[in-house]
Amino acid sequence: MSKTVNILGSTQKEQWLTAISIYDLSVGANIEEAMQHLAEGWEEDEQMRESLETARRVLADYTNEMRRLVEGVFE
């Protein structure tokens, strides 16, 4: 008989923290890709750059707050 493994973690806390990290990574990667395209010479719209910078900060704040929430719930 084979043993199943949960790739997100073995506890609910680990699973939540992994899910938050995956969300952060996926959204953050899209922001970084857009920023890279701007740096490579796409027509730069300053308002777009500001919006992406804001999105990056909001994502970091959200990710940190979600991690704090999970840590608090599972302590």
PDB file of N, CA and C in Angstrom:
ATOM      1  N   MET A   1       0.850  -1.168   0.000  1.00  0.00           N
ATOM      2  CA  MET A   1       0.000   0.000   0.000  1.00  0.00           C
ATOM      3  C   MET A   1       0.899   1.235   0.000  1.00  0.00           C
ATOM      4  N   SER A   2       0.544   2.214  -0.793  1.00  0.00           N
ATOM      5  CA  SER A   2       1.346   3.436  -0.852  1.00  0.00           C
ATOM      6  C   SER A   2       0.841   4.452   0.168  1.00  0.00           C
ATOM      7  N   LYS A   3       1.745   5.290   0.592  1.00  0.00           N
ATOM      8  CA  LYS A   3       1.419   6.333   1.557  1.00  0.00           C
ATOM      9  C   LYS A   3       1.201   7.645   0.799  1.00  0.00           C
ATOM     10  N   THR A   4       0.137   8.352   1.141  1.00  0.00           N
ATOM     11  CA  THR A   4      -0.108   9.639   0.496  1.00  0.00           C
ATOM     12  C   THR A   4       0.609  10.737   1.272  1.00  0.00           C
ATOM     13  N   VAL A   5       1.022  11.750   0.544  1.00  0.00           N
ATOM     14  CA  VAL A   5       1.723  12.870   1.148  1.00  0.00           C
ATOM     15  C   VAL A   5       1.026  14.146   0.713  1.00  0.00           C
ATOM     16  N   ASN A   6       0.723  14.994   1.645  1.00  0.00           N
ATOM     17  CA  ASN A   6       0.133  16.287   1.318  1.00  0.00           C
ATOM     18  C   ASN A   6       1.286  17.251   1.031  1.00  0.00           C
ATOM     19  N   ILE A   7       1.398  17.696  -0.199  1.00  0.00           N
ATOM     20  CA  ILE A   7       2.526  18.547  -0.576  1.00  0.00           C
ATOM     21  C   ILE A   7       2.452  19.941   0.043  1.00  0.00           C
ATOM     22  N   LEU A   8       1.288  20.299   0.575  1.00  0.00           N
ATOM     23  CA  LEU A   8       1.162  21.609   1.205  1.00  0.00           C
ATOM     24  C   LEU A   8       1.645  21.600   2.652  1.00  0.00           C
ATOM     25  N   GLY A   9       1.755  20.438   3.248  1.00  0.00           N
ATOM     26  CA  GLY A   9       2.199  20.341   4.636  1.00  0.00           C
ATOM     27  C   GLY A   9       1.425  19.280   5.378  1.00  0.00           C
ATOM     28  N   SER A  10       1.953  18.905   6.520  1.00  0.00           N
ATOM     29  CA  SER A  10       1.323  17.814   7.265  1.00  0.00           C
ATOM     30  C   SER A  10       0.332  18.305   8.312  1.00  0.00           C
ATOM     31  N   THR A  11       0.318  19.595   8.608  1.00  0.00           N
ATOM     32  CA  THR A  11      -0.641  20.148   9.562  1.00  0.00           C
ATOM     33  C   THR A  11      -1.463  21.237   8.863  1.00  0.00           C
ATOM     34  N   GLN A  12      -2.584  21.579   9.464  1.00  0.00           N
ATOM     35  CA  GLN A  12      -3.401  22.652   8.889  1.00  0.00           C
ATOM     36  C   GLN A  12      -2.621  23.961   8.828  1.00  0.00           C
ATOM     37  N   LYS A  13      -1.858  24.240   9.865  1.00  0.00           N
ATOM     38  CA  LYS A  13      -1.067  25.473   9.885  1.00  0.00           C
ATOM     39  C   LYS A  13      -0.073  25.491   8.727  1.00  0.00           C
ATOM     40  N   GLU A  14       0.650  24.407   8.522  1.00  0.00           N
ATOM     41  CA  GLU A  14       1.605  24.337   7.419  1.00  0.00           C
ATOM     42  C   GLU A  14       0.900  24.492   6.075  1.00  0.00           C
ATOM     43  N   GLN A  15      -0.269  23.878   5.950  1.00  0.00           N
ATOM     44  CA  GLN A  15      -1.019  23.963   4.703  1.00  0.00           C
ATOM     45  C   GLN A  15      -1.442  25.401   4.416  1.00  0.00           C
ATOM     46  N   TRP A  16      -1.940  26.101   5.420  1.00  0.00           N
ATOM     47  CA  TRP A  16      -2.338  27.499   5.247  1.00  0.00           C
ATOM     48  C   TRP A  16      -1.140  28.367   4.877  1.00  0.00           C
ATOM     49  N   LEU A  17      -0.033  28.196   5.595  1.00  0.00           N
ATOM     50  CA  LEU A  17       1.145  29.016   5.316  1.00  0.00           C
ATOM     51  C   LEU A  17       1.695  28.739   3.919  1.00  0.00           C
ATOM     52  N   THR A  18       1.650  27.495   3.484  1.00  0.00           N
ATOM     53  CA  THR A  18       2.101  27.158   2.135  1.00  0.00           C
ATOM     54  C   THR A  18       1.175  27.766   1.091  1.00  0.00           C
ATOM     55  N   ALA A  19      -0.131  27.696   1.329  1.00  0.00           N
ATOM     56  CA  ALA A  19      -1.093  28.286   0.391  1.00  0.00           C
ATOM     57  C   ALA A  19      -0.882  29.795   0.273  1.00  0.00           C
ATOM     58  N   ILE A  20      -0.621  30.457   1.383  1.00  0.00           N
ATOM     59  CA  ILE A  20      -0.358  31.906   1.365  1.00  0.00           C
ATOM     60  C   ILE A  20       0.907  32.189   0.560  1.00  0.00           C
ATOM     61  N   SER A  21       1.930  31.374   0.748  1.00  0.00           N
ATOM     62  CA  SER A  21       3.179  31.558   0.003  1.00  0.00           C
ATOM     63  C   SER A  21       2.980  31.360  -1.489  1.00  0.00           C
ATOM     64  N   ILE A  22       2.164  30.383  -1.864  1.00  0.00           N
ATOM     65  CA  ILE A  22       1.879  30.142  -3.283  1.00  0.00           C
ATOM     66  C   ILE A  22       1.138  31.334  -3.879  1.00  0.00           C
ATOM     67  N   TYR A  23       0.152  31.859  -3.157  1.00  0.00           N
ATOM     68  CA  TYR A  23      -0.594  33.032  -3.609  1.00  0.00           C
ATOM     69  C   TYR A  23       0.357  34.211  -3.798  1.00  0.00           C
ATOM     70  N   ASP A  24       1.206  34.449  -2.788  1.00  0.00           N
ATOM     71  CA  ASP A  24       2.164  35.551  -2.845  1.00  0.00           C
ATOM     72  C   ASP A  24       3.098  35.390  -4.037  1.00  0.00           C
ATOM     73  N   LEU A  25       3.592  34.195  -4.246  1.00  0.00           N
ATOM     74  CA  LEU A  25       4.516  33.939  -5.340  1.00  0.00           C
ATOM     75  C   LEU A  25       3.862  34.161  -6.698  1.00  0.00           C
ATOM     76  N   SER A  26       2.644  33.661  -6.870  1.00  0.00           N
ATOM     77  CA  SER A  26       1.996  33.778  -8.172  1.00  0.00           C
ATOM     78  C   SER A  26       1.634  35.224  -8.506  1.00  0.00           C
ATOM     79  N   VAL A  27       1.053  35.940  -7.561  1.00  0.00           N
ATOM     80  CA  VAL A  27       0.688  37.336  -7.822  1.00  0.00           C
ATOM     81  C   VAL A  27       1.951  38.182  -7.949  1.00  0.00           C
ATOM     82  N   GLY A  28       2.911  37.963  -7.052  1.00  0.00           N
ATOM     83  CA  GLY A  28       4.160  38.716  -7.100  1.00  0.00           C
ATOM     84  C   GLY A  28       4.915  38.502  -8.401  1.00  0.00           C
ATOM     85  N   ALA A  29       4.908  37.288  -8.924  1.00  0.00           N
ATOM     86  CA  ALA A  29       5.597  37.002 -10.183  1.00  0.00           C
ATOM     87  C   ALA A  29       4.959  37.766 -11.342  1.00  0.00           C
ATOM     88  N   ASN A  30       3.650  37.885 -11.332  1.00  0.00           N
ATOM     89  CA  ASN A  30       2.981  38.660 -12.386  1.00  0.00           C
ATOM     90  C   ASN A  30       3.332  40.136 -12.300  1.00  0.00           C
ATOM     91  N   ILE A  31       3.413  40.667 -11.090  1.00  0.00           N
ATOM     92  CA  ILE A  31       3.808  42.069 -10.913  1.00  0.00           C
ATOM     93  C   ILE A  31       5.234  42.268 -11.414  1.00  0.00           C
ATOM     94  N   GLU A  32       6.133  41.364 -11.021  1.00  0.00           N
ATOM     95  CA  GLU A  32       7.528  41.479 -11.428  1.00  0.00           C
ATOM     96  C   GLU A  32       7.683  41.375 -12.945  1.00  0.00           C
ATOM     97  N   GLU A  33       6.916  40.498 -13.580  1.00  0.00           N
ATOM     98  CA  GLU A  33       6.981  40.369 -15.035  1.00  0.00           C
ATOM     99  C   GLU A  33       6.556  41.672 -15.708  1.00  0.00           C
ATOM    100  N   ALA A  34       5.496  42.286 -15.221  1.00  0.00           N
ATOM    101  CA  ALA A  34       5.050  43.560 -15.790  1.00  0.00           C
ATOM    102  C   ALA A  34       6.101  44.639 -15.583  1.00  0.00           C
ATOM    103  N   MET A  35       6.722  44.672 -14.399  1.00  0.00           N
ATOM    104  CA  MET A  35       7.777  45.654 -14.129  1.00  0.00           C
ATOM    105  C   MET A  35       8.971  45.418 -15.059  1.00  0.00           C
ATOM    106  N   GLN A  36       9.304  44.159 -15.301  1.00  0.00           N
ATOM    107  CA  GLN A  36      10.420  43.823 -16.188  1.00  0.00           C
ATOM    108  C   GLN A  36      10.140  44.285 -17.615  1.00  0.00           C
ATOM    109  N   HIS A  37       8.904  44.089 -18.079  1.00  0.00           N
ATOM    110  CA  HIS A  37       8.547  44.549 -19.422  1.00  0.00           C
ATOM    111  C   HIS A  37       8.694  46.062 -19.526  1.00  0.00           C
ATOM    112  N   LEU A  38       8.314  46.768 -18.485  1.00  0.00           N
ATOM    113  CA  LEU A  38       8.489  48.222 -18.493  1.00  0.00           C
ATOM    114  C   LEU A  38       9.971  48.585 -18.560  1.00  0.00           C
ATOM    115  N   ALA A  39      10.801  47.861 -17.796  1.00  0.00           N
ATOM    116  CA  ALA A  39      12.233  48.133 -17.766  1.00  0.00           C
ATOM    117  C   ALA A  39      12.894  47.804 -19.103  1.00  0.00           C
ATOM    118  N   GLU A  40      12.320  46.888 -19.866  1.00  0.00           N
ATOM    119  CA  GLU A  40      12.891  46.481 -21.147  1.00  0.00           C
ATOM    120  C   GLU A  40      12.480  47.392 -22.295  1.00  0.00           C
ATOM    121  N   GLY A  41      11.751  48.427 -21.991  1.00  0.00           N
ATOM    122  CA  GLY A  41      11.470  49.392 -23.031  1.00  0.00           C
ATOM    123  C   GLY A  41      10.046  49.468 -23.519  1.00  0.00           C
ATOM    124  N   TRP A  42       9.159  48.727 -22.930  1.00  0.00           N
ATOM    125  CA  TRP A  42       7.767  48.938 -23.291  1.00  0.00           C
ATOM    126  C   TRP A  42       7.446  50.391 -22.995  1.00  0.00           C
ATOM    127  N   GLU A  43       6.511  50.918 -23.724  1.00  0.00           N
ATOM    128  CA  GLU A  43       6.139  52.301 -23.452  1.00  0.00           C
ATOM    129  C   GLU A  43       5.754  52.419 -21.991  1.00  0.00           C
ATOM    130  N   GLU A  44       6.497  53.239 -21.319  1.00  0.00           N
ATOM    131  CA  GLU A  44       6.278  53.350 -19.880  1.00  0.00           C
ATOM    132  C   GLU A  44       5.220  54.397 -19.585  1.00  0.00           C
ATOM    133  N   ASP A  45       4.273  53.975 -18.879  1.00  0.00           N
ATOM    134  CA  ASP A  45       3.233  54.859 -18.411  1.00  0.00           C
ATOM    135  C   ASP A  45       3.465  55.004 -16.911  1.00  0.00           C
ATOM    136  N   GLU A  46       3.809  56.194 -16.469  1.00  0.00           N
ATOM    137  CA  GLU A  46       4.157  56.394 -15.057  1.00  0.00           C
ATOM    138  C   GLU A  46       3.027  55.969 -14.132  1.00  0.00           C
ATOM    139  N   GLN A  47       1.805  56.175 -14.561  1.00  0.00           N
ATOM    140  CA  GLN A  47       0.671  55.762 -13.740  1.00  0.00           C
ATOM    141  C   GLN A  47       0.632  54.239 -13.604  1.00  0.00           C
ATOM    142  N   MET A  48       0.993  53.518 -14.681  1.00  0.00           N
ATOM    143  CA  MET A  48       1.027  52.065 -14.612  1.00  0.00           C
ATOM    144  C   MET A  48       2.121  51.614 -13.646  1.00  0.00           C
ATOM    145  N   ARG A  49       3.289  52.230 -13.733  1.00  0.00           N
ATOM    146  CA  ARG A  49       4.388  51.875 -12.837  1.00  0.00           C
ATOM    147  C   ARG A  49       3.986  52.120 -11.385  1.00  0.00           C
ATOM    148  N   GLU A  50       3.358  53.238 -11.113  1.00  0.00           N
ATOM    149  CA  GLU A  50       2.905  53.540  -9.752  1.00  0.00           C
ATOM    150  C   GLU A  50       1.875  52.514  -9.288  1.00  0.00           C
ATOM    151  N   SER A  51       0.975  52.121 -10.185  1.00  0.00           N
ATOM    152  CA  SER A  51      -0.033  51.120  -9.834  1.00  0.00           C
ATOM    153  C   SER A  51       0.622  49.787  -9.503  1.00  0.00           C
ATOM    154  N   LEU A  52       1.634  49.394 -10.263  1.00  0.00           N
ATOM    155  CA  LEU A  52       2.338  48.140  -9.991  1.00  0.00           C
ATOM    156  C   LEU A  52       3.108  48.196  -8.672  1.00  0.00           C
ATOM    157  N   GLU A  53       3.717  49.332  -8.403  1.00  0.00           N
ATOM    158  CA  GLU A  53       4.425  49.496  -7.128  1.00  0.00           C
ATOM    159  C   GLU A  53       3.440  49.409  -5.961  1.00  0.00           C
ATOM    160  N   THR A  54       2.284  50.019  -6.133  1.00  0.00           N
ATOM    161  CA  THR A  54       1.254  49.933  -5.105  1.00  0.00           C
ATOM    162  C   THR A  54       0.787  48.496  -4.939  1.00  0.00           C
ATOM    163  N   ALA A  55       0.577  47.797  -6.045  1.00  0.00           N
ATOM    164  CA  ALA A  55       0.159  46.390  -5.984  1.00  0.00           C
ATOM    165  C   ALA A  55       1.202  45.554  -5.250  1.00  0.00           C
ATOM    166  N   ARG A  56       2.469  45.826  -5.486  1.00  0.00           N
ATOM    167  CA  ARG A  56       3.548  45.093  -4.818  1.00  0.00           C
ATOM    168  C   ARG A  56       3.485  45.328  -3.299  1.00  0.00           C
ATOM    169  N   ARG A  57       3.283  46.573  -2.890  1.00  0.00           N
ATOM    170  CA  ARG A  57       3.203  46.889  -1.455  1.00  0.00           C
ATOM    171  C   ARG A  57       1.964  46.275  -0.812  1.00  0.00           C
ATOM    172  N   VAL A  58       0.836  46.365  -1.500  1.00  0.00           N
ATOM    173  CA  VAL A  58      -0.409  45.801  -0.963  1.00  0.00           C
ATOM    174  C   VAL A  58      -0.282  44.287  -0.832  1.00  0.00           C
ATOM    175  N   LEU A  59       0.314  43.634  -1.817  1.00  0.00           N
ATOM    176  CA  LEU A  59       0.515  42.188  -1.759  1.00  0.00           C
ATOM    177  C   LEU A  59       1.386  41.818  -0.563  1.00  0.00           C
ATOM    178  N   ALA A  60       2.462  42.558  -0.348  1.00  0.00           N
ATOM    179  CA  ALA A  60       3.343  42.279   0.796  1.00  0.00           C
ATOM    180  C   ALA A  60       2.591  42.461   2.107  1.00  0.00           C
ATOM    181  N   ASP A  61       1.813  43.534   2.218  1.00  0.00           N
ATOM    182  CA  ASP A  61       1.033  43.763   3.436  1.00  0.00           C
ATOM    183  C   ASP A  61       0.014  42.653   3.660  1.00  0.00           C
ATOM    184  N   TYR A  62      -0.684  42.260   2.584  1.00  0.00           N
ATOM    185  CA  TYR A  62      -1.681  41.194   2.677  1.00  0.00           C
ATOM    186  C   TYR A  62      -1.018  39.888   3.106  1.00  0.00           C
ATOM    187  N   THR A  63       0.081  39.548   2.462  1.00  0.00           N
ATOM    188  CA  THR A  63       0.768  38.295   2.763  1.00  0.00           C
ATOM    189  C   THR A  63       1.229  38.267   4.216  1.00  0.00           C
ATOM    190  N   ASN A  64       1.825  39.344   4.673  1.00  0.00           N
ATOM    191  CA  ASN A  64       2.282  39.406   6.068  1.00  0.00           C
ATOM    192  C   ASN A  64       1.115  39.294   7.043  1.00  0.00           C
ATOM    193  N   GLU A  65       0.027  39.962   6.751  1.00  0.00           N
ATOM    194  CA  GLU A  65      -1.137  39.924   7.639  1.00  0.00           C
ATOM    195  C   GLU A  65      -1.760  38.527   7.672  1.00  0.00           C
ATOM    196  N   MET A  66      -1.843  37.872   6.523  1.00  0.00           N
ATOM    197  CA  MET A  66      -2.396  36.516   6.479  1.00  0.00           C
ATOM    198  C   MET A  66      -1.507  35.551   7.267  1.00  0.00           C
ATOM    199  N   ARG A  67      -0.200  35.692   7.148  1.00  0.00           N
ATOM    200  CA  ARG A  67       0.708  34.825   7.910  1.00  0.00           C
ATOM    201  C   ARG A  67       0.534  35.064   9.414  1.00  0.00           C
ATOM    202  N   ARG A  68       0.410  36.335   9.807  1.00  0.00           N
ATOM    203  CA  ARG A  68       0.195  36.640  11.231  1.00  0.00           C
ATOM    204  C   ARG A  68      -1.107  36.019  11.719  1.00  0.00           C
ATOM    205  N   LEU A  69      -2.146  36.088  10.904  1.00  0.00           N
ATOM    206  CA  LEU A  69      -3.440  35.522  11.265  1.00  0.00           C
ATOM    207  C   LEU A  69      -3.326  34.014  11.455  1.00  0.00           C
ATOM    208  N   VAL A  70      -2.677  33.336  10.532  1.00  0.00           N
ATOM    209  CA  VAL A  70      -2.520  31.882  10.633  1.00  0.00           C
ATOM    210  C   VAL A  70      -1.685  31.528  11.882  1.00  0.00           C
ATOM    211  N   GLU A  71      -0.611  32.257  12.092  1.00  0.00           N
ATOM    212  CA  GLU A  71       0.222  32.004  13.274  1.00  0.00           C
ATOM    213  C   GLU A  71      -0.607  32.160  14.549  1.00  0.00           C
ATOM    214  N   GLY A  72      -1.437  33.204  14.604  1.00  0.00           N
ATOM    215  CA  GLY A  72      -2.268  33.437  15.778  1.00  0.00           C
ATOM    216  C   GLY A  72      -3.322  32.354  15.998  1.00  0.00           C
ATOM    217  N   VAL A  73      -3.950  31.920  14.914  1.00  0.00           N
ATOM    218  CA  VAL A  73      -4.997  30.916  15.018  1.00  0.00           C
ATOM    219  C   VAL A  73      -4.428  29.570  15.478  1.00  0.00           C
ATOM    220  N   PHE A  74      -3.250  29.228  14.999  1.00  0.00           N
ATOM    221  CA  PHE A  74      -2.712  27.899  15.285  1.00  0.00           C
ATOM    222  C   PHE A  74      -1.735  27.865  16.462  1.00  0.00           C
ATOM    223  N   GLU A  75      -1.651  28.923  17.228  1.00  0.00           N
ATOM    224  CA  GLU A  75      -0.822  28.903  18.434  1.00  0.00           C
ATOM    225  C   GLU A  75      -1.628  28.542  19.642  1.00  0.00           C
TER     226      GLU A  75
END
